[in-house]
């Protein structure tokens, strides 16, 4: 069968082995790129987590207020999730504002 394959392959067309080889190379390159992206992402997440912990240690009062505010906002969203009430109309903007404040505090580290 291999002799038939070699006979049918023209000089400009790739052989089956070349195609398989390219597939393996593409797989290896993709695997390396994904591994690199995973390493960078996990490192960035770890650094952000460490920064948040450090901020919490240096500013415990602000951290408690941020957590309390986020809890109140999430509670308001959950309370009004079944019906459209005044609480649900105000809950989402409050949660967004508190989330933005928390992000700004963390970024300022």
PDB file of N, CA and C in Angstrom:
ATOM      1  N   UNK A   1       0.829  -1.184   0.000  1.00  0.00           N
ATOM      2  CA  UNK A   1       0.000   0.000   0.000  1.00  0.00           C
ATOM      3  C   UNK A   1       0.872   1.246   0.000  1.00  0.00           C
ATOM      4  N   UNK A   2       1.967   1.186   0.752  1.00  0.00           N
ATOM      5  CA  UNK A   2       2.857   2.341   0.797  1.00  0.00           C
ATOM      6  C   UNK A   2       3.428   2.638  -0.581  1.00  0.00           C
ATOM      7  N   UNK A   3       3.749   1.561  -1.319  1.00  0.00           N
ATOM      8  CA  UNK A   3       4.288   1.777  -2.656  1.00  0.00           C
ATOM      9  C   UNK A   3       3.239   2.432  -3.548  1.00  0.00           C
ATOM     10  N   UNK A   4       1.934   2.062  -3.345  1.00  0.00           N
ATOM     11  CA  UNK A   4       0.863   2.710  -4.110  1.00  0.00           C
ATOM     12  C   UNK A   4       0.773   4.182  -3.736  1.00  0.00           C
ATOM     13  N   UNK A   5       0.916   4.483  -2.435  1.00  0.00           N
ATOM     14  CA  UNK A   5       0.813   5.864  -1.983  1.00  0.00           C
ATOM     15  C   UNK A   5       1.946   6.688  -2.578  1.00  0.00           C
ATOM     16  N   UNK A   6       3.141   6.133  -2.595  1.00  0.00           N
ATOM     17  CA  UNK A   6       4.274   6.852  -3.152  1.00  0.00           C
ATOM     18  C   UNK A   6       4.111   7.056  -4.648  1.00  0.00           C
ATOM     19  N   UNK A   7       3.507   6.082  -5.309  1.00  0.00           N
ATOM     20  CA  UNK A   7       3.309   6.201  -6.743  1.00  0.00           C
ATOM     21  C   UNK A   7       2.266   7.270  -7.063  1.00  0.00           C
ATOM     22  N   UNK A   8       1.220   7.370  -6.214  1.00  0.00           N
ATOM     23  CA  UNK A   8       0.143   8.315  -6.504  1.00  0.00           C
ATOM     24  C   UNK A   8       0.497   9.731  -6.088  1.00  0.00           C
ATOM     25  N   UNK A   9       1.439   9.887  -5.182  1.00  0.00           N
ATOM     26  CA  UNK A   9       1.823  11.237  -4.759  1.00  0.00           C
ATOM     27  C   UNK A   9       2.643  11.896  -5.849  1.00  0.00           C
ATOM     28  N   UNK A  10       2.220  13.040  -6.229  1.00  0.00           N
ATOM     29  CA  UNK A  10       2.979  13.794  -7.223  1.00  0.00           C
ATOM     30  C   UNK A  10       4.041  14.595  -6.489  1.00  0.00           C
ATOM     31  N   UNK A  11       5.055  15.089  -7.177  1.00  0.00           N
ATOM     32  CA  UNK A  11       6.153  15.800  -6.505  1.00  0.00           C
ATOM     33  C   UNK A  11       5.685  17.003  -5.682  1.00  0.00           C
ATOM     34  N   UNK A  12       4.651  17.683  -6.105  1.00  0.00           N
ATOM     35  CA  UNK A  12       4.213  18.876  -5.376  1.00  0.00           C
ATOM     36  C   UNK A  12       3.255  18.578  -4.245  1.00  0.00           C
ATOM     37  N   UNK A  13       2.710  17.369  -4.134  1.00  0.00           N
ATOM     38  CA  UNK A  13       1.727  17.070  -3.083  1.00  0.00           C
ATOM     39  C   UNK A  13       2.418  16.422  -1.896  1.00  0.00           C
ATOM     40  N   UNK A  14       1.943  16.728  -0.678  1.00  0.00           N
ATOM     41  CA  UNK A  14       2.586  16.165   0.521  1.00  0.00           C
ATOM     42  C   UNK A  14       2.218  14.700   0.696  1.00  0.00           C
ATOM     43  N   UNK A  15       3.133  13.959   1.243  1.00  0.00           N
ATOM     44  CA  UNK A  15       2.856  12.554   1.539  1.00  0.00           C
ATOM     45  C   UNK A  15       2.079  12.475   2.847  1.00  0.00           C
ATOM     46  N   UNK A  16       1.571  11.311   3.159  1.00  0.00           N
ATOM     47  CA  UNK A  16       0.819  11.119   4.396  1.00  0.00           C
ATOM     48  C   UNK A  16       1.710  11.383   5.608  1.00  0.00           C
ATOM     49  N   UNK A  17       2.974  10.973   5.532  1.00  0.00           N
ATOM     50  CA  UNK A  17       3.887  11.204   6.657  1.00  0.00           C
ATOM     51  C   UNK A  17       4.137  12.690   6.866  1.00  0.00           C
ATOM     52  N   UNK A  18       4.247  13.442   5.778  1.00  0.00           N
ATOM     53  CA  UNK A  18       4.437  14.892   5.913  1.00  0.00           C
ATOM     54  C   UNK A  18       3.231  15.531   6.574  1.00  0.00           C
ATOM     55  N   UNK A  19       2.050  15.096   6.185  1.00  0.00           N
ATOM     56  CA  UNK A  19       0.821  15.643   6.756  1.00  0.00           C
ATOM     57  C   UNK A  19       0.724  15.319   8.238  1.00  0.00           C
ATOM     58  N   UNK A  20       1.032  14.080   8.602  1.00  0.00           N
ATOM     59  CA  UNK A  20       1.010  13.684  10.008  1.00  0.00           C
ATOM     60  C   UNK A  20       2.067  14.461  10.781  1.00  0.00           C
ATOM     61  N   UNK A  21       3.225  14.626  10.204  1.00  0.00           N
ATOM     62  CA  UNK A  21       4.292  15.391  10.868  1.00  0.00           C
ATOM     63  C   UNK A  21       3.884  16.828  11.122  1.00  0.00           C
ATOM     64  N   UNK A  22       3.240  17.438  10.125  1.00  0.00           N
ATOM     65  CA  UNK A  22       2.760  18.818  10.320  1.00  0.00           C
ATOM     66  C   UNK A  22       1.699  18.887  11.408  1.00  0.00           C
ATOM     67  N   UNK A  23       0.842  17.865  11.451  1.00  0.00           N
ATOM     68  CA  UNK A  23      -0.182  17.819  12.496  1.00  0.00           C
ATOM     69  C   UNK A  23       0.440  17.734  13.882  1.00  0.00           C
ATOM     70  N   UNK A  24       1.461  16.883  14.034  1.00  0.00           N
ATOM     71  CA  UNK A  24       2.140  16.772  15.327  1.00  0.00           C
ATOM     72  C   UNK A  24       2.838  18.074  15.706  1.00  0.00           C
ATOM     73  N   UNK A  25       3.471  18.720  14.737  1.00  0.00           N
ATOM     74  CA  UNK A  25       4.138  20.003  15.025  1.00  0.00           C
ATOM     75  C   UNK A  25       3.128  21.064  15.436  1.00  0.00           C
ATOM     76  N   UNK A  26       2.001  21.111  14.735  1.00  0.00           N
ATOM     77  CA  UNK A  26       0.963  22.088  15.085  1.00  0.00           C
ATOM     78  C   UNK A  26       0.422  21.801  16.481  1.00  0.00           C
ATOM     79  N   UNK A  27       0.227  20.519  16.799  1.00  0.00           N
ATOM     80  CA  UNK A  27      -0.241  20.151  18.132  1.00  0.00           C
ATOM     81  C   UNK A  27       0.761  20.565  19.195  1.00  0.00           C
ATOM     82  N   UNK A  28       2.035  20.312  18.955  1.00  0.00           N
ATOM     83  CA  UNK A  28       3.076  20.686  19.928  1.00  0.00           C
ATOM     84  C   UNK A  28       3.143  22.196  20.119  1.00  0.00           C
ATOM     85  N   UNK A  29       3.046  22.942  19.033  1.00  0.00           N
ATOM     86  CA  UNK A  29       3.077  24.410  19.136  1.00  0.00           C
ATOM     87  C   UNK A  29       1.870  24.921  19.911  1.00  0.00           C
ATOM     88  N   UNK A  30       0.704  24.344  19.626  1.00  0.00           N
ATOM     89  CA  UNK A  30      -0.503  24.745  20.341  1.00  0.00           C
ATOM     90  C   UNK A  30      -0.388  24.402  21.819  1.00  0.00           C
ATOM     91  N   UNK A  31       0.134  23.228  22.106  1.00  0.00           N
ATOM     92  CA  UNK A  31       0.317  22.798  23.498  1.00  0.00           C
ATOM     93  C   UNK A  31       1.262  23.747  24.234  1.00  0.00           C
ATOM     94  N   UNK A  32       2.359  24.124  23.574  1.00  0.00           N
ATOM     95  CA  UNK A  32       3.317  25.054  24.191  1.00  0.00           C
ATOM     96  C   UNK A  32       2.674  26.417  24.429  1.00  0.00           C
ATOM     97  N   UNK A  33       1.917  26.907  23.444  1.00  0.00           N
ATOM     98  CA  UNK A  33       1.281  28.218  23.587  1.00  0.00           C
ATOM     99  C   UNK A  33       0.248  28.202  24.710  1.00  0.00           C
ATOM    100  N   UNK A  34      -0.528  27.133  24.806  1.00  0.00           N
ATOM    101  CA  UNK A  34      -1.528  27.037  25.870  1.00  0.00           C
ATOM    102  C   UNK A  34      -0.865  26.939  27.239  1.00  0.00           C
ATOM    103  N   UNK A  35       0.207  26.202  27.315  1.00  0.00           N
ATOM    104  CA  UNK A  35       0.933  26.079  28.577  1.00  0.00           C
ATOM    105  C   UNK A  35       1.503  27.430  29.002  1.00  0.00           C
ATOM    106  N   UNK A  36       2.054  28.156  28.036  1.00  0.00           N
ATOM    107  CA  UNK A  36       2.600  29.484  28.331  1.00  0.00           C
ATOM    108  C   UNK A  36       1.494  30.433  28.791  1.00  0.00           C
ATOM    109  N   UNK A  37       0.354  30.417  28.109  1.00  0.00           N
ATOM    110  CA  UNK A  37      -0.768  31.288  28.492  1.00  0.00           C
ATOM    111  C   UNK A  37      -1.283  30.914  29.880  1.00  0.00           C
ATOM    112  N   UNK A  38      -1.365  29.624  30.178  1.00  0.00           N
ATOM    113  CA  UNK A  38      -1.809  29.185  31.494  1.00  0.00           C
ATOM    114  C   UNK A  38      -0.847  29.663  32.573  1.00  0.00           C
ATOM    115  N   UNK A  39       0.448  29.517  32.326  1.00  0.00           N
ATOM    116  CA  UNK A  39       1.444  29.955  33.310  1.00  0.00           C
ATOM    117  C   UNK A  39       1.346  31.446  33.574  1.00  0.00           C
ATOM    118  N   UNK A  40       1.224  32.241  32.506  1.00  0.00           N
ATOM    119  CA  UNK A  40       1.104  33.693  32.673  1.00  0.00           C
ATOM    120  C   UNK A  40      -0.166  34.059  33.424  1.00  0.00           C
ATOM    121  N   UNK A  41      -1.277  33.416  33.082  1.00  0.00           N
ATOM    122  CA  UNK A  41      -2.552  33.715  33.740  1.00  0.00           C
ATOM    123  C   UNK A  41      -2.508  33.346  35.210  1.00  0.00           C
ATOM    124  N   UNK A  42      -1.995  32.160  35.514  1.00  0.00           N
ATOM    125  CA  UNK A  42      -1.954  31.750  36.917  1.00  0.00           C
ATOM    126  C   UNK A  42      -1.016  32.644  37.722  1.00  0.00           C
ATOM    127  N   UNK A  43       0.075  33.090  37.104  1.00  0.00           N
ATOM    128  CA  UNK A  43       0.991  33.995  37.797  1.00  0.00           C
ATOM    129  C   UNK A  43       0.307  35.339  38.062  1.00  0.00           C
ATOM    130  N   UNK A  44      -0.413  35.861  37.078  1.00  0.00           N
ATOM    131  CA  UNK A  44      -1.101  37.149  37.241  1.00  0.00           C
ATOM    132  C   UNK A  44      -2.194  37.054  38.296  1.00  0.00           C
ATOM    133  N   UNK A  45      -2.943  35.954  38.288  1.00  0.00           N
ATOM    134  CA  UNK A  45      -4.002  35.785  39.286  1.00  0.00           C
ATOM    135  C   UNK A  45      -3.394  35.662  40.678  1.00  0.00           C
ATOM    136  N   UNK A  46      -2.307  34.929  40.782  1.00  0.00           N
ATOM    137  CA  UNK A  46      -1.640  34.786  42.077  1.00  0.00           C
ATOM    138  C   UNK A  46      -1.123  36.111  42.606  1.00  0.00           C
ATOM    139  N   UNK A  47      -0.554  36.926  41.715  1.00  0.00           N
ATOM    140  CA  UNK A  47      -0.055  38.239  42.130  1.00  0.00           C
ATOM    141  C   UNK A  47      -1.195  39.145  42.570  1.00  0.00           C
ATOM    142  N   UNK A  48      -2.314  39.125  41.841  1.00  0.00           N
ATOM    143  CA  UNK A  48      -3.470  39.945  42.207  1.00  0.00           C
ATOM    144  C   UNK A  48      -4.031  39.495  43.544  1.00  0.00           C
ATOM    145  N   UNK A  49      -4.092  38.197  43.752  1.00  0.00           N
ATOM    146  CA  UNK A  49      -4.577  37.665  45.022  1.00  0.00           C
ATOM    147  C   UNK A  49      -3.661  38.107  46.167  1.00  0.00           C
ATOM    148  N   UNK A  50      -2.364  38.013  45.956  1.00  0.00           N
ATOM    149  CA  UNK A  50      -1.414  38.444  46.985  1.00  0.00           C
ATOM    150  C   UNK A  50      -1.549  39.936  47.275  1.00  0.00           C
ATOM    151  N   UNK A  51      -1.757  40.733  46.220  1.00  0.00           N
ATOM    152  CA  UNK A  51      -1.944  42.167  46.417  1.00  0.00           C
ATOM    153  C   UNK A  51      -3.211  42.446  47.228  1.00  0.00           C
ATOM    154  N   UNK A  52      -4.285  41.718  46.928  1.00  0.00           N
ATOM    155  CA  UNK A  52      -5.530  41.909  47.665  1.00  0.00           C
ATOM    156  C   UNK A  52      -5.356  41.532  49.132  1.00  0.00           C
ATOM    157  N   UNK A  53      -4.651  40.434  49.390  1.00  0.00           N
ATOM    158  CA  UNK A  53      -4.396  40.055  50.785  1.00  0.00           C
ATOM    159  C   UNK A  53      -3.559  41.103  51.501  1.00  0.00           C
ATOM    160  N   UNK A  54      -2.541  41.587  50.831  1.00  0.00           N
ATOM    161  CA  UNK A  54      -1.680  42.610  51.433  1.00  0.00           C
ATOM    162  C   UNK A  54      -2.471  43.884  51.721  1.00  0.00           C
ATOM    163  N   UNK A  55      -3.327  44.266  50.775  1.00  0.00           N
ATOM    164  CA  UNK A  55      -4.167  45.455  50.981  1.00  0.00           C
ATOM    165  C   UNK A  55      -5.084  45.242  52.179  1.00  0.00           C
ATOM    166  N   UNK A  56      -5.653  44.038  52.281  1.00  0.00           N
ATOM    167  CA  UNK A  56      -6.528  43.733  53.409  1.00  0.00           C
ATOM    168  C   UNK A  56      -5.805  43.791  54.739  1.00  0.00           C
ATOM    169  N   UNK A  57      -4.537  43.381  54.744  1.00  0.00           N
ATOM    170  CA  UNK A  57      -3.756  43.436  55.986  1.00  0.00           C
ATOM    171  C   UNK A  57      -3.438  44.878  56.392  1.00  0.00           C
ATOM    172  N   UNK A  58      -3.163  45.719  55.397  1.00  0.00           N
ATOM    173  CA  UNK A  58      -2.800  47.103  55.702  1.00  0.00           C
ATOM    174  C   UNK A  58      -4.013  48.008  55.902  1.00  0.00           C
ATOM    175  N   UNK A  59      -5.152  47.640  55.350  1.00  0.00           N
ATOM    176  CA  UNK A  59      -6.362  48.465  55.435  1.00  0.00           C
ATOM    177  C   UNK A  59      -7.559  47.609  55.846  1.00  0.00           C
ATOM    178  N   UNK A  60      -7.553  47.096  57.048  1.00  0.00           N
ATOM    179  CA  UNK A  60      -8.641  46.194  57.442  1.00  0.00           C
ATOM    180  C   UNK A  60     -10.003  46.891  57.487  1.00  0.00           C
ATOM    181  N   UNK A  61     -10.033  48.138  57.874  1.00  0.00           N
ATOM    182  CA  UNK A  61     -11.307  48.863  57.947  1.00  0.00           C
ATOM    183  C   UNK A  61     -11.947  49.032  56.584  1.00  0.00           C
ATOM    184  N   UNK A  62     -11.165  49.467  55.614  1.00  0.00           N
ATOM    185  CA  UNK A  62     -11.684  49.636  54.262  1.00  0.00           C
ATOM    186  C   UNK A  62     -12.117  48.301  53.675  1.00  0.00           C
ATOM    187  N   UNK A  63     -11.344  47.263  53.960  1.00  0.00           N
ATOM    188  CA  UNK A  63     -11.671  45.941  53.442  1.00  0.00           C
ATOM    189  C   UNK A  63     -13.003  45.457  53.986  1.00  0.00           C
ATOM    190  N   UNK A  64     -13.233  45.668  55.268  1.00  0.00           N
ATOM    191  CA  UNK A  64     -14.508  45.266  55.874  1.00  0.00           C
ATOM    192  C   UNK A  64     -15.648  46.064  55.261  1.00  0.00           C
ATOM    193  N   UNK A  65     -15.452  47.361  55.059  1.00  0.00           N
ATOM    194  CA  UNK A  65     -16.510  48.186  54.464  1.00  0.00           C
ATOM    195  C   UNK A  65     -16.800  47.767  53.024  1.00  0.00           C
ATOM    196  N   UNK A  66     -15.766  47.451  52.275  1.00  0.00           N
ATOM    197  CA  UNK A  66     -15.973  46.988  50.899  1.00  0.00           C
ATOM    198  C   UNK A  66     -16.758  45.687  50.906  1.00  0.00           C
ATOM    199  N   UNK A  67     -16.353  44.741  51.755  1.00  0.00           N
ATOM    200  CA  UNK A  67     -17.050  43.458  51.819  1.00  0.00           C
ATOM    201  C   UNK A  67     -18.498  43.642  52.259  1.00  0.00           C
ATOM    202  N   UNK A  68     -18.723  44.512  53.225  1.00  0.00           N
ATOM    203  CA  UNK A  68     -20.079  44.786  53.690  1.00  0.00           C
ATOM    204  C   UNK A  68     -20.924  45.393  52.571  1.00  0.00           C
ATOM    205  N   UNK A  69     -20.348  46.367  51.864  1.00  0.00           N
ATOM    206  CA  UNK A  69     -21.074  47.003  50.768  1.00  0.00           C
ATOM    207  C   UNK A  69     -21.422  46.029  49.658  1.00  0.00           C
ATOM    208  N   UNK A  70     -20.478  45.179  49.312  1.00  0.00           N
ATOM    209  CA  UNK A  70     -20.745  44.178  48.273  1.00  0.00           C
ATOM    210  C   UNK A  70     -21.828  43.216  48.760  1.00  0.00           C
ATOM    211  N   UNK A  71     -21.767  42.829  50.006  1.00  0.00           N
ATOM    212  CA  UNK A  71     -22.797  41.940  50.558  1.00  0.00           C
ATOM    213  C   UNK A  71     -24.175  42.568  50.539  1.00  0.00           C
ATOM    214  N   UNK A  72     -24.259  43.850  50.897  1.00  0.00           N
ATOM    215  CA  UNK A  72     -25.544  44.553  50.857  1.00  0.00           C
ATOM    216  C   UNK A  72     -26.058  44.624  49.421  1.00  0.00           C
ATOM    217  N   UNK A  73     -25.176  44.956  48.501  1.00  0.00           N
ATOM    218  CA  UNK A  73     -25.588  45.049  47.099  1.00  0.00           C
ATOM    219  C   UNK A  73     -26.062  43.719  46.542  1.00  0.00           C
ATOM    220  N   UNK A  74     -25.329  42.650  46.827  1.00  0.00           N
ATOM    221  CA  UNK A  74     -25.736  41.325  46.354  1.00  0.00           C
ATOM    222  C   UNK A  74     -27.047  40.918  47.012  1.00  0.00           C
ATOM    223  N   UNK A  75     -27.201  41.225  48.285  1.00  0.00           N
ATOM    224  CA  UNK A  75     -28.453  40.926  48.982  1.00  0.00           C
ATOM    225  C   UNK A  75     -29.631  41.656  48.360  1.00  0.00           C
ATOM    226  N   UNK A  76     -29.411  42.907  47.982  1.00  0.00           N
ATOM    227  CA  UNK A  76     -30.489  43.661  47.343  1.00  0.00           C
ATOM    228  C   UNK A  76     -30.846  43.056  45.988  1.00  0.00           C
ATOM    229  N   UNK A  77     -29.838  42.615  45.248  1.00  0.00           N
ATOM    230  CA  UNK A  77     -30.107  41.981  43.951  1.00  0.00           C
ATOM    231  C   UNK A  77     -30.895  40.692  44.130  1.00  0.00           C
ATOM    232  N   UNK A  78     -30.502  39.888  45.102  1.00  0.00           N
ATOM    233  CA  UNK A  78     -31.196  38.625  45.326  1.00  0.00           C
ATOM    234  C   UNK A  78     -32.605  38.848  45.844  1.00  0.00           C
ATOM    235  N   UNK A  79     -32.796  39.846  46.663  1.00  0.00           N
ATOM    236  CA  UNK A  79     -34.111  40.144  47.215  1.00  0.00           C
ATOM    237  C   UNK A  79     -35.082  40.525  46.105  1.00  0.00           C
ATOM    238  N   UNK A  80     -34.628  41.302  45.164  1.00  0.00           N
ATOM    239  CA  UNK A  80     -35.510  41.776  44.111  1.00  0.00           C
ATOM    240  C   UNK A  80     -35.445  40.961  42.843  1.00  0.00           C
ATOM    241  N   UNK A  81     -34.806  39.782  42.856  1.00  0.00           N
ATOM    242  CA  UNK A  81     -34.641  39.023  41.617  1.00  0.00           C
ATOM    243  C   UNK A  81     -35.955  38.435  41.111  1.00  0.00           C
ATOM    244  N   UNK A  82     -36.897  38.141  42.004  1.00  0.00           N
ATOM    245  CA  UNK A  82     -38.156  37.532  41.584  1.00  0.00           C
ATOM    246  C   UNK A  82     -39.152  38.530  41.033  1.00  0.00           C
ATOM    247  N   UNK A  83     -39.072  39.736  41.451  1.00  0.00           N
ATOM    248  CA  UNK A  83     -40.018  40.754  41.001  1.00  0.00           C
ATOM    249  C   UNK A  83     -39.265  42.046  40.755  1.00  0.00           C
ATOM    250  N   UNK A  84     -39.808  42.872  39.927  1.00  0.00           N
ATOM    251  CA  UNK A  84     -39.169  44.162  39.636  1.00  0.00           C
ATOM    252  C   UNK A  84     -39.661  45.171  40.661  1.00  0.00           C
ATOM    253  N   UNK A  85     -38.826  45.480  41.616  1.00  0.00           N
ATOM    254  CA  UNK A  85     -39.212  46.404  42.672  1.00  0.00           C
ATOM    255  C   UNK A  85     -38.219  47.558  42.731  1.00  0.00           C
ATOM    256  N   UNK A  86     -38.491  48.443  43.646  1.00  0.00           N
ATOM    257  CA  UNK A  86     -37.594  49.573  43.835  1.00  0.00           C
ATOM    258  C   UNK A  86     -36.214  49.084  44.284  1.00  0.00           C
ATOM    259  N   UNK A  87     -36.193  48.044  45.104  1.00  0.00           N
ATOM    260  CA  UNK A  87     -34.931  47.506  45.592  1.00  0.00           C
ATOM    261  C   UNK A  87     -34.096  46.971  44.433  1.00  0.00           C
ATOM    262  N   UNK A  88     -34.727  46.240  43.515  1.00  0.00           N
ATOM    263  CA  UNK A  88     -33.959  45.674  42.403  1.00  0.00           C
ATOM    264  C   UNK A  88     -33.493  46.759  41.442  1.00  0.00           C
ATOM    265  N   UNK A  89     -34.254  47.827  41.308  1.00  0.00           N
ATOM    266  CA  UNK A  89     -33.821  48.919  40.431  1.00  0.00           C
ATOM    267  C   UNK A  89     -32.583  49.603  40.990  1.00  0.00           C
ATOM    268  N   UNK A  90     -32.468  49.662  42.296  1.00  0.00           N
ATOM    269  CA  UNK A  90     -31.313  50.322  42.912  1.00  0.00           C
ATOM    270  C   UNK A  90     -30.181  49.348  43.208  1.00  0.00           C
ATOM    271  N   UNK A  91     -30.491  48.078  43.332  1.00  0.00           N
ATOM    272  CA  UNK A  91     -29.484  47.092  43.717  1.00  0.00           C
ATOM    273  C   UNK A  91     -28.361  46.962  42.709  1.00  0.00           C
ATOM    274  N   UNK A  92     -28.709  46.849  41.436  1.00  0.00           N
ATOM    275  CA  UNK A  92     -27.676  46.646  40.418  1.00  0.00           C
ATOM    276  C   UNK A  92     -26.701  47.812  40.341  1.00  0.00           C
ATOM    277  N   UNK A  93     -27.165  49.079  40.307  1.00  0.00           N
ATOM    278  CA  UNK A  93     -26.187  50.181  40.283  1.00  0.00           C
ATOM    279  C   UNK A  93     -25.315  50.235  41.544  1.00  0.00           C
ATOM    280  N   UNK A  94     -25.893  49.856  42.676  1.00  0.00           N
ATOM    281  CA  UNK A  94     -25.113  49.864  43.918  1.00  0.00           C
ATOM    282  C   UNK A  94     -24.012  48.808  43.850  1.00  0.00           C
ATOM    283  N   UNK A  95     -24.367  47.609  43.392  1.00  0.00           N
ATOM    284  CA  UNK A  95     -23.360  46.544  43.273  1.00  0.00           C
ATOM    285  C   UNK A  95     -22.281  46.962  42.285  1.00  0.00           C
ATOM    286  N   UNK A  96     -22.669  47.547  41.164  1.00  0.00           N
ATOM    287  CA  UNK A  96     -21.675  48.000  40.182  1.00  0.00           C
ATOM    288  C   UNK A  96     -20.759  49.059  40.767  1.00  0.00           C
ATOM    289  N   UNK A  97     -21.314  50.008  41.491  1.00  0.00           N
ATOM    290  CA  UNK A  97     -20.494  51.058  42.090  1.00  0.00           C
ATOM    291  C   UNK A  97     -19.531  50.482  43.120  1.00  0.00           C
ATOM    292  N   UNK A  98     -20.030  49.582  43.961  1.00  0.00           N
ATOM    293  CA  UNK A  98     -19.157  48.983  44.978  1.00  0.00           C
ATOM    294  C   UNK A  98     -18.076  48.121  44.340  1.00  0.00           C
ATOM    295  N   UNK A  99     -18.431  47.403  43.288  1.00  0.00           N
ATOM    296  CA  UNK A  99     -17.423  46.590  42.592  1.00  0.00           C
ATOM    297  C   UNK A  99     -16.350  47.475  41.982  1.00  0.00           C
ATOM    298  N   UNK A 100     -16.760  48.579  41.382  1.00  0.00           N
ATOM    299  CA  UNK A 100     -15.779  49.507  40.803  1.00  0.00           C
ATOM    300  C   UNK A 100     -14.875  50.091  41.878  1.00  0.00           C
ATOM    301  N   UNK A 101     -15.449  50.421  43.033  1.00  0.00           N
ATOM    302  CA  UNK A 101     -14.630  50.949  44.132  1.00  0.00           C
ATOM    303  C   UNK A 101     -13.606  49.909  44.581  1.00  0.00           C
ATOM    304  N   UNK A 102     -14.045  48.656  44.719  1.00  0.00           N
ATOM    305  CA  UNK A 102     -13.129  47.598  45.155  1.00  0.00           C
ATOM    306  C   UNK A 102     -12.013  47.412  44.127  1.00  0.00           C
ATOM    307  N   UNK A 103     -12.345  47.450  42.846  1.00  0.00           N
ATOM    308  CA  UNK A 103     -11.318  47.314  41.819  1.00  0.00           C
ATOM    309  C   UNK A 103     -10.323  48.462  41.880  1.00  0.00           C
ATOM    310  N   UNK A 104     -10.808  49.661  42.068  1.00  0.00           N
ATOM    311  CA  UNK A 104      -9.921  50.819  42.153  1.00  0.00           C
ATOM    312  C   UNK A 104      -8.983  50.720  43.352  1.00  0.00           C
ATOM    313  N   UNK A 105      -9.506  50.248  44.485  1.00  0.00           N
ATOM    314  CA  UNK A 105      -8.661  50.066  45.661  1.00  0.00           C
ATOM    315  C   UNK A 105      -7.577  49.040  45.393  1.00  0.00           C
ATOM    316  N   UNK A 106      -7.941  47.939  44.759  1.00  0.00           N
ATOM    317  CA  UNK A 106      -6.965  46.887  44.479  1.00  0.00           C
ATOM    318  C   UNK A 106      -5.943  47.351  43.456  1.00  0.00           C
ATOM    319  N   UNK A 107      -6.381  48.055  42.425  1.00  0.00           N
ATOM    320  CA  UNK A 107      -5.451  48.555  41.403  1.00  0.00           C
ATOM    321  C   UNK A 107      -4.486  49.584  41.977  1.00  0.00           C
ATOM    322  N   UNK A 108      -4.917  50.300  42.974  1.00  0.00           N
ATOM    323  CA  UNK A 108      -4.073  51.329  43.557  1.00  0.00           C
ATOM    324  C   UNK A 108      -2.950  50.784  44.419  1.00  0.00           C
ATOM    325  N   UNK A 109      -2.922  49.468  44.577  1.00  0.00           N
ATOM    326  CA  UNK A 109      -1.879  48.881  45.429  1.00  0.00           C
ATOM    327  C   UNK A 109      -0.554  49.041  44.814  1.00  0.00           C
TER     328      UNK A 109
END
